[in-house]
Structure formats: C-alpha cells, structure tokens
C-alpha atoms as a PDB file:
ATOM      1  CA  UNK A   1    -174.952  43.045-109.743  1.00  0.00           C
ATOM      2  CA  UNK A   2    -174.593  46.664-107.666  1.00  0.00           C
ATOM      3  CA  UNK A   3    -175.213  44.212-104.572  1.00  0.00           C
ATOM      4  CA  UNK A   4    -172.176  41.944-105.193  1.00  0.00           C
ATOM      5  CA  UNK A   5    -169.983  45.063-106.182  1.00  0.00           C
ATOM      6  CA  UNK A   6    -170.698  46.889-102.327  1.00  0.00           C
ATOM      7  CA  UNK A   7    -170.030  43.161-101.019  1.00  0.00           C
ATOM      8  CA  UNK A   8    -166.775  43.256-102.597  1.00  0.00           C
ATOM      9  CA  UNK A   9    -165.581  46.524-102.302  1.00  0.00           C
ATOM     10  CA  UNK A  10    -166.935  46.247 -98.652  1.00  0.00           C
ATOM     11  CA  UNK A  11    -164.635  42.483 -97.920  1.00  0.00           C
ATOM     12  CA  UNK A  12    -161.748  44.059 -99.384  1.00  0.00           C
ATOM     13  CA  UNK A  13    -162.058  47.203 -97.534  1.00  0.00           C
ATOM     14  CA  UNK A  14    -162.450  45.113 -94.496  1.00  0.00           C
ATOM     15  CA  UNK A  15    -159.318  43.464 -95.405  1.00  0.00           C
ATOM     16  CA  UNK A  16    -157.251  46.109 -95.817  1.00  0.00           C
ATOM     17  CA  UNK A  17    -158.003  47.061 -92.195  1.00  0.00           C
ATOM     18  CA  UNK A  18    -157.164  43.873 -90.646  1.00  0.00           C
ATOM     19  CA  UNK A  19    -153.755  44.128 -92.132  1.00  0.00           C
ATOM     20  CA  UNK A  20    -153.468  47.421 -90.757  1.00  0.00           C
ATOM     21  CA  UNK A  21    -154.989  46.754 -87.744  1.00  0.00           C
ATOM     22  CA  UNK A  22    -152.505  43.647 -86.792  1.00  0.00           C
ATOM     23  CA  UNK A  23    -149.922  45.249 -88.826  1.00  0.00           C
ATOM     24  CA  UNK A  24    -149.896  47.239 -85.922  1.00  0.00           C
ATOM     25  CA  UNK A  25    -150.231  45.763 -83.284  1.00  0.00           C
ATOM     26  CA  UNK A  26    -147.499  42.438 -84.159  1.00  0.00           C
ATOM     27  CA  UNK A  27    -145.151  45.874 -84.251  1.00  0.00           C
ATOM     28  CA  UNK A  28    -146.386  47.353 -81.269  1.00  0.00           C
ATOM     29  CA  UNK A  29    -146.521  44.007 -78.924  1.00  0.00           C
ATOM     30  CA  UNK A  30    -144.541  41.355 -80.716  1.00  0.00           C
ATOM     31  CA  UNK A  31    -146.124  38.236 -82.687  1.00  0.00           C
ATOM     32  CA  UNK A  32    -146.658  35.658 -79.969  1.00  0.00           C
ATOM     33  CA  UNK A  33    -148.533  37.963 -77.952  1.00  0.00           C
ATOM     34  CA  UNK A  34    -151.322  39.220 -80.257  1.00  0.00           C
ATOM     35  CA  UNK A  35    -154.109  36.596 -80.595  1.00  0.00           C
ATOM     36  CA  UNK A  36    -156.373  36.619 -83.151  1.00  0.00           C
ATOM     37  CA  UNK A  37    -159.206  37.406 -80.689  1.00  0.00           C
ATOM     38  CA  UNK A  38    -157.066  40.857 -79.691  1.00  0.00           C
ATOM     39  CA  UNK A  39    -157.345  41.907 -83.381  1.00  0.00           C
ATOM     40  CA  UNK A  40    -161.030  40.911 -83.751  1.00  0.00           C
ATOM     41  CA  UNK A  41    -161.697  42.934 -80.405  1.00  0.00           C
ATOM     42  CA  UNK A  42    -159.198  45.825 -81.493  1.00  0.00           C
ATOM     43  CA  UNK A  43    -161.429  46.714 -85.109  1.00  0.00           C
ATOM     44  CA  UNK A  44    -164.968  45.971 -82.667  1.00  0.00           C
ATOM     45  CA  UNK A  45    -165.581  42.942 -85.488  1.00  0.00           C
ATOM     46  CA  UNK A  46    -166.273  39.320 -84.530  1.00  0.00           C
ATOM     47  CA  UNK A  47    -164.058  36.754 -84.482  1.00  0.00           C
ATOM     48  CA  UNK A  48    -165.785  35.109 -86.909  1.00  0.00           C
ATOM     49  CA  UNK A  49    -165.957  37.674 -89.614  1.00  0.00           C
ATOM     50  CA  UNK A  50    -162.022  38.002 -89.162  1.00  0.00           C
ATOM     51  CA  UNK A  51    -161.671  34.143 -89.608  1.00  0.00           C
ATOM     52  CA  UNK A  52    -163.605  33.866 -92.465  1.00  0.00           C
ATOM     53  CA  UNK A  53    -161.128  36.325 -94.201  1.00  0.00           C
ATOM     54  CA  UNK A  54    -158.009  34.837 -92.680  1.00  0.00           C
ATOM     55  CA  UNK A  55    -158.598  31.296 -91.209  1.00  0.00           C
ATOM     56  CA  UNK A  56    -155.097  31.269 -88.919  1.00  0.00           C
ATOM     57  CA  UNK A  57    -152.709  33.735 -87.518  1.00  0.00           C
ATOM     58  CA  UNK A  58    -149.959  32.593 -90.142  1.00  0.00           C
ATOM     59  CA  UNK A  59    -152.019  33.298 -93.169  1.00  0.00           C
ATOM     60  CA  UNK A  60    -152.654  37.108 -91.176  1.00  0.00           C
ATOM     61  CA  UNK A  61    -149.145  37.670 -90.458  1.00  0.00           C
ATOM     62  CA  UNK A  62    -148.176  36.860 -93.908  1.00  0.00           C
ATOM     63  CA  UNK A  63    -150.138  39.096 -95.793  1.00  0.00           C
ATOM     64  CA  UNK A  64    -149.462  41.691 -93.310  1.00  0.00           C
ATOM     65  CA  UNK A  65    -145.627  41.257 -94.037  1.00  0.00           C
ATOM     66  CA  UNK A  66    -146.353  41.662 -97.626  1.00  0.00           C
ATOM     67  CA  UNK A  67    -148.568  44.668 -97.530  1.00  0.00           C
ATOM     68  CA  UNK A  68    -146.238  46.205 -95.376  1.00  0.00           C
ATOM     69  CA  UNK A  69    -143.592  46.011 -97.941  1.00  0.00           C
ATOM     70  CA  UNK A  70    -146.390  47.340-100.798  1.00  0.00           C
ATOM     71  CA  UNK A  71    -147.557  50.142 -99.073  1.00  0.00           C
ATOM     72  CA  UNK A  72    -143.783  51.291 -98.892  1.00  0.00           C
ATOM     73  CA  UNK A  73    -143.090  50.467-102.238  1.00  0.00           C
ATOM     74  CA  UNK A  74    -146.103  52.760-103.511  1.00  0.00           C
ATOM     75  CA  UNK A  75    -145.167  55.588-101.215  1.00  0.00           C
ATOM     76  CA  UNK A  76    -141.228  56.089-102.428  1.00  0.00           C
ATOM     77  CA  UNK A  77    -143.102  55.602-105.807  1.00  0.00           C
ATOM     78  CA  UNK A  78    -145.174  58.156-105.363  1.00  0.00           C
ATOM     79  CA  UNK A  79    -143.114  60.591-104.386  1.00  0.00           C
ATOM     80  CA  UNK A  80    -140.691  59.794-106.407  1.00  0.00           C
ATOM     81  CA  UNK A  81    -142.629  61.022-109.325  1.00  0.00           C
ATOM     82  CA  UNK A  82    -142.508  64.783-108.001  1.00  0.00           C
ATOM     83  CA  UNK A  83    -139.360  64.471-106.366  1.00  0.00           C
ATOM     84  CA  UNK A  84    -136.575  66.909-107.022  1.00  0.00           C
ATOM     85  CA  UNK A  85    -133.778  64.529-107.788  1.00  0.00           C
ATOM     86  CA  UNK A  86    -132.466  60.659-106.252  1.00  0.00           C
ATOM     87  CA  UNK A  87    -130.954  62.402-103.104  1.00  0.00           C
ATOM     88  CA  UNK A  88    -134.514  63.615-102.124  1.00  0.00           C
ATOM     89  CA  UNK A  89    -135.848  60.339-102.344  1.00  0.00           C
ATOM     90  CA  UNK A  90    -133.381  58.612-100.249  1.00  0.00           C
ATOM     91  CA  UNK A  91    -134.285  61.604 -97.856  1.00  0.00           C
ATOM     92  CA  UNK A  92    -137.885  60.469 -97.950  1.00  0.00           C
ATOM     93  CA  UNK A  93    -136.947  56.851 -97.585  1.00  0.00           C
ATOM     94  CA  UNK A  94    -134.832  57.565 -94.370  1.00  0.00           C
ATOM     95  CA  UNK A  95    -137.989  59.584 -92.827  1.00  0.00           C
ATOM     96  CA  UNK A  96    -140.164  56.562 -93.444  1.00  0.00           C
ATOM     97  CA  UNK A  97    -138.098  53.564 -92.101  1.00  0.00           C
ATOM     98  CA  UNK A  98    -136.833  55.749 -88.962  1.00  0.00           C
ATOM     99  CA  UNK A  99    -140.587  56.577 -87.750  1.00  0.00           C
ATOM    100  CA  UNK A 100    -141.428  53.095 -88.659  1.00  0.00           C
ATOM    101  CA  UNK A 101    -138.637  51.199 -86.547  1.00  0.00           C
ATOM    102  CA  UNK A 102    -139.140  53.856 -84.252  1.00  0.00           C
ATOM    103  CA  UNK A 103    -142.236  52.215 -83.018  1.00  0.00           C
ATOM    104  CA  UNK A 104    -141.273  48.251 -83.764  1.00  0.00           C
ATOM    105  CA  UNK A 105    -141.258  46.070 -80.681  1.00  0.00           C
ATOM    106  CA  UNK A 106    -137.897  44.189 -81.020  1.00  0.00           C
ATOM    107  CA  UNK A 107    -139.774  41.140 -80.613  1.00  0.00           C
ATOM    108  CA  UNK A 108    -141.241  41.360 -83.521  1.00  0.00           C
ATOM    109  CA  UNK A 109    -138.139  40.833 -85.110  1.00  0.00           C
ATOM    110  CA  UNK A 110    -136.818  38.172 -83.312  1.00  0.00           C
ATOM    111  CA  UNK A 111    -140.051  36.257 -83.611  1.00  0.00           C
ATOM    112  CA  UNK A 112    -140.654  36.637 -87.221  1.00  0.00           C
ATOM    113  CA  UNK A 113    -137.592  34.866 -88.558  1.00  0.00           C
ATOM    114  CA  UNK A 114    -139.699  31.737 -86.600  1.00  0.00           C
ATOM    115  CA  UNK A 115    -142.017  31.291 -89.594  1.00  0.00           C
ATOM    116  CA  UNK A 116    -140.176  29.966 -92.618  1.00  0.00           C
ATOM    117  CA  UNK A 117    -142.605  31.166 -95.524  1.00  0.00           C
ATOM    118  CA  UNK A 118    -141.855  34.923 -94.471  1.00  0.00           C
ATOM    119  CA  UNK A 119    -138.095  34.367 -94.239  1.00  0.00           C
ATOM    120  CA  UNK A 120    -138.341  33.087 -97.649  1.00  0.00           C
ATOM    121  CA  UNK A 121    -140.384  36.421 -98.745  1.00  0.00           C
ATOM    122  CA  UNK A 122    -137.874  38.520 -97.295  1.00  0.00           C
ATOM    123  CA  UNK A 123    -135.338  36.670 -99.377  1.00  0.00           C
ATOM    124  CA  UNK A 124    -137.051  36.780-102.813  1.00  0.00           C
ATOM    125  CA  UNK A 125    -138.303  40.286-101.690  1.00  0.00           C
ATOM    126  CA  UNK A 126    -134.589  41.191-101.238  1.00  0.00           C
ATOM    127  CA  UNK A 127    -134.000  40.300-104.696  1.00  0.00           C
ATOM    128  CA  UNK A 128    -136.577  42.388-106.433  1.00  0.00           C
ATOM    129  CA  UNK A 129    -134.956  45.452-104.350  1.00  0.00           C
ATOM    130  CA  UNK A 130    -131.830  45.193-105.153  1.00  0.00           C
ATOM    131  CA  UNK A 131    -131.707  44.800-108.928  1.00  0.00           C
ATOM    132  CA  UNK A 132    -134.113  48.166-108.209  1.00  0.00           C
ATOM    133  CA  UNK A 133    -132.042  49.495-105.753  1.00  0.00           C
ATOM    134  CA  UNK A 134    -129.002  49.321-109.018  1.00  0.00           C
ATOM    135  CA  UNK A 135    -131.415  51.178-111.093  1.00  0.00           C
ATOM    136  CA  UNK A 136    -131.723  54.058-108.520  1.00  0.00           C
ATOM    137  CA  UNK A 137    -128.230  53.842-108.073  1.00  0.00           C
ATOM    138  CA  UNK A 138    -127.218  54.196-111.906  1.00  0.00           C
ATOM    139  CA  UNK A 139    -129.743  56.723-112.203  1.00  0.00           C
ATOM    140  CA  UNK A 140    -127.318  58.788-108.904  1.00  0.00           C
ATOM    141  CA  UNK A 141    -124.508  58.222-110.914  1.00  0.00           C
ATOM    142  CA  UNK A 142    -125.841  59.678-114.445  1.00  0.00           C
ATOM    143  CA  UNK A 143    -126.688  62.578-112.337  1.00  0.00           C
ATOM    144  CA  UNK A 144    -123.288  62.764-110.396  1.00  0.00           C
ATOM    145  CA  UNK A 145    -124.859  62.044-106.756  1.00  0.00           C
ATOM    146  CA  UNK A 146    -122.777  58.665-106.611  1.00  0.00           C
ATOM    147  CA  UNK A 147    -119.513  57.662-107.236  1.00  0.00           C
ATOM    148  CA  UNK A 148    -119.138  55.132-110.454  1.00  0.00           C
ATOM    149  CA  UNK A 149    -115.939  53.502-109.203  1.00  0.00           C
ATOM    150  CA  UNK A 150    -117.991  51.542-106.610  1.00  0.00           C
ATOM    151  CA  UNK A 151    -119.572  48.280-107.585  1.00  0.00           C
ATOM    152  CA  UNK A 152    -122.683  48.603-105.842  1.00  0.00           C
ATOM    153  CA  UNK A 153    -123.523  44.794-106.349  1.00  0.00           C
ATOM    154  CA  UNK A 154    -121.305  44.201-103.501  1.00  0.00           C
ATOM    155  CA  UNK A 155    -122.768  47.053-101.694  1.00  0.00           C
ATOM    156  CA  UNK A 156    -125.945  45.744-101.212  1.00  0.00           C
ATOM    157  CA  UNK A 157    -124.594  42.314-100.611  1.00  0.00           C
ATOM    158  CA  UNK A 158    -122.628  44.113 -97.510  1.00  0.00           C
ATOM    159  CA  UNK A 159    -125.287  45.713 -96.513  1.00  0.00           C
ATOM    160  CA  UNK A 160    -127.544  42.482 -96.261  1.00  0.00           C
ATOM    161  CA  UNK A 161    -124.385  41.226 -94.527  1.00  0.00           C
ATOM    162  CA  UNK A 162    -124.690  43.392 -92.052  1.00  0.00           C
ATOM    163  CA  UNK A 163    -128.621  43.570 -91.332  1.00  0.00           C
ATOM    164  CA  UNK A 164    -128.546  39.859 -90.834  1.00  0.00           C
ATOM    165  CA  UNK A 165    -125.578  40.415 -88.040  1.00  0.00           C
ATOM    166  CA  UNK A 166    -127.922  42.696 -86.503  1.00  0.00           C
ATOM    167  CA  UNK A 167    -130.372  40.482 -86.406  1.00  0.00           C
ATOM    168  CA  UNK A 168    -128.382  37.091 -85.443  1.00  0.00           C
ATOM    169  CA  UNK A 169    -126.554  38.749 -83.046  1.00  0.00           C
ATOM    170  CA  UNK A 170    -129.554  40.615 -81.380  1.00  0.00           C
ATOM    171  CA  UNK A 171    -128.067  44.103 -81.825  1.00  0.00           C
ATOM    172  CA  UNK A 172    -131.875  45.280 -81.270  1.00  0.00           C
ATOM    173  CA  UNK A 173    -131.725  44.524 -77.616  1.00  0.00           C
ATOM    174  CA  UNK A 174    -128.955  46.636 -76.824  1.00  0.00           C
ATOM    175  CA  UNK A 175    -129.608  49.613 -79.267  1.00  0.00           C
ATOM    176  CA  UNK A 176    -132.668  51.189 -80.886  1.00  0.00           C
ATOM    177  CA  UNK A 177    -133.638  49.774 -83.834  1.00  0.00           C
ATOM    178  CA  UNK A 178    -133.859  53.243 -85.294  1.00  0.00           C
ATOM    179  CA  UNK A 179    -130.779  54.073 -84.069  1.00  0.00           C
ATOM    180  CA  UNK A 180    -128.801  51.157 -85.930  1.00  0.00           C
ATOM    181  CA  UNK A 181    -130.438  52.222 -89.186  1.00  0.00           C
ATOM    182  CA  UNK A 182    -129.950  55.623 -89.387  1.00  0.00           C
ATOM    183  CA  UNK A 183    -125.654  54.550 -87.912  1.00  0.00           C
ATOM    184  CA  UNK A 184    -126.056  52.133 -90.953  1.00  0.00           C
ATOM    185  CA  UNK A 185    -127.615  53.886 -93.582  1.00  0.00           C
ATOM    186  CA  UNK A 186    -125.837  57.133 -92.954  1.00  0.00           C
ATOM    187  CA  UNK A 187    -122.381  55.772 -93.535  1.00  0.00           C
ATOM    188  CA  UNK A 188    -123.253  53.431 -96.307  1.00  0.00           C
ATOM    189  CA  UNK A 189    -124.626  56.502 -98.554  1.00  0.00           C
ATOM    190  CA  UNK A 190    -122.228  58.958 -97.200  1.00  0.00           C
ATOM    191  CA  UNK A 191    -119.482  56.406 -98.457  1.00  0.00           C
ATOM    192  CA  UNK A 192    -121.289  56.258-101.981  1.00  0.00           C
ATOM    193  CA  UNK A 193    -122.032  60.123-102.423  1.00  0.00           C
ATOM    194  CA  UNK A 194    -119.676  62.470-104.853  1.00  0.00           C
ATOM    195  CA  UNK A 195    -119.435  65.891-103.482  1.00  0.00           C
ATOM    196  CA  UNK A 196    -122.424  67.252-105.176  1.00  0.00           C
ATOM    197  CA  UNK A 197    -124.028  63.818-103.593  1.00  0.00           C
ATOM    198  CA  UNK A 198    -123.270  65.135 -99.946  1.00  0.00           C
ATOM    199  CA  UNK A 199    -124.327  68.360-100.745  1.00  0.00           C
ATOM    200  CA  UNK A 200    -127.892  67.384-100.963  1.00  0.00           C
ATOM    201  CA  UNK A 201    -128.186  64.386 -99.104  1.00  0.00           C
ATOM    202  CA  UNK A 202    -126.851  67.210 -96.018  1.00  0.00           C
ATOM    203  CA  UNK A 203    -129.660  69.659 -97.101  1.00  0.00           C
ATOM    204  CA  UNK A 204    -132.640  67.121 -97.022  1.00  0.00           C
ATOM    205  CA  UNK A 205    -131.515  65.095 -93.986  1.00  0.00           C
ATOM    206  CA  UNK A 206    -130.971  69.106 -92.494  1.00  0.00           C
ATOM    207  CA  UNK A 207    -134.789  69.968 -93.464  1.00  0.00           C
ATOM    208  CA  UNK A 208    -135.955  66.111 -92.488  1.00  0.00           C
END
C-alpha cells in the first residue's frame, strides 16, 4: 500500500511539473513552436513518460490553461485572507497579471483561439469569475471603496468586450500585453472607485 501511495504521489508531482514546464514554454515561444519532444527534453524525461500522462499536445495545453487559472485563483484567495482590504487585493491582482503578461509571447494568444475546447473553457470560466467579481465589488461598496451608483454587471460585460477587441484587432502586435492591461485596468478601476478607494488604490499601486 505504501508503494502504491508513493507511486501516486510521484505521478501527481510529475504531472504538476509537466503542466508548469509546458505552460512556461507555451507562453515563451507560442503554442505551435512547442513540441511534446521539447517539453520532455526541457524536463529531462523520456517522451514515453510524457505521453503516458498526456497523450497529445492539445490535452496538455487544455490542462495547462486550467491549471494556470487555478493557480492564479489560489494565490488571490490566499492573499485575500490576510489582506488589509479589497484595494490591497486588487493591487496584488494587478501585480500578478502584469508580471505574467510581461513574459507572454503574443503568439500564445493568437494561437490559443484556434482551440475550440479552450475557447469554451475561457467563456465558462469567465462567467464564474464574473459572479465572483460581482460579490467582490459589492463587498467593496459596503466598505466605501467602490461607487454604488454603477451597474457592475454592465461594467463586466464592457470589460469582456474590450478584451475581445484587443484579441480580434490584434493590438498585442502593436503594444505590449502588460501595457494594454495596465492602461485598461487603471481606467476601469479608477472609474469605479470612490475618493476613499482612489486613496487606497494610489497607495497600494505606489508600494507595488
């Protein structure tokens, strides 16, 4: 029984390492440029071992995307448990996104839209995140950080539309991804904040 447990733990650990390594390569080089051979070589494992866990590149990419979103959510959740307030959480989120986007090859976004299953996942996950966002903004309203005269469901939909335009118009070919995100999120947030919220936002972003 102990042996079985060790094997299971080893494979789970290997699976996580594969996801992290593969996602790093996909983001750095673009999806098309990365072969399963490249991932195995980067990890120092055999192709056979890699294919035993992920039988093809699309399945691996799909799991990478899900794991990437899960990791981001867990980081935010962990930080929120000890954060000073909603504005601190937002500043932390901005920092995470800017660090991530600053290291992503624009080819990654251009190519990922070719995978229907992943596009559907983004859509479904986006709806879940929108519901969490509504709860978060409501909490911020109660604490006096966000304006209460705004329909945040509309704001979320406008945000989605803006990001869709970025992808469709391929603005990432003209501007850096982190620059696009920073320009959008700063305008978006400042428009939602009360004076109290703006004071905290400026404080945390300066510290960041």
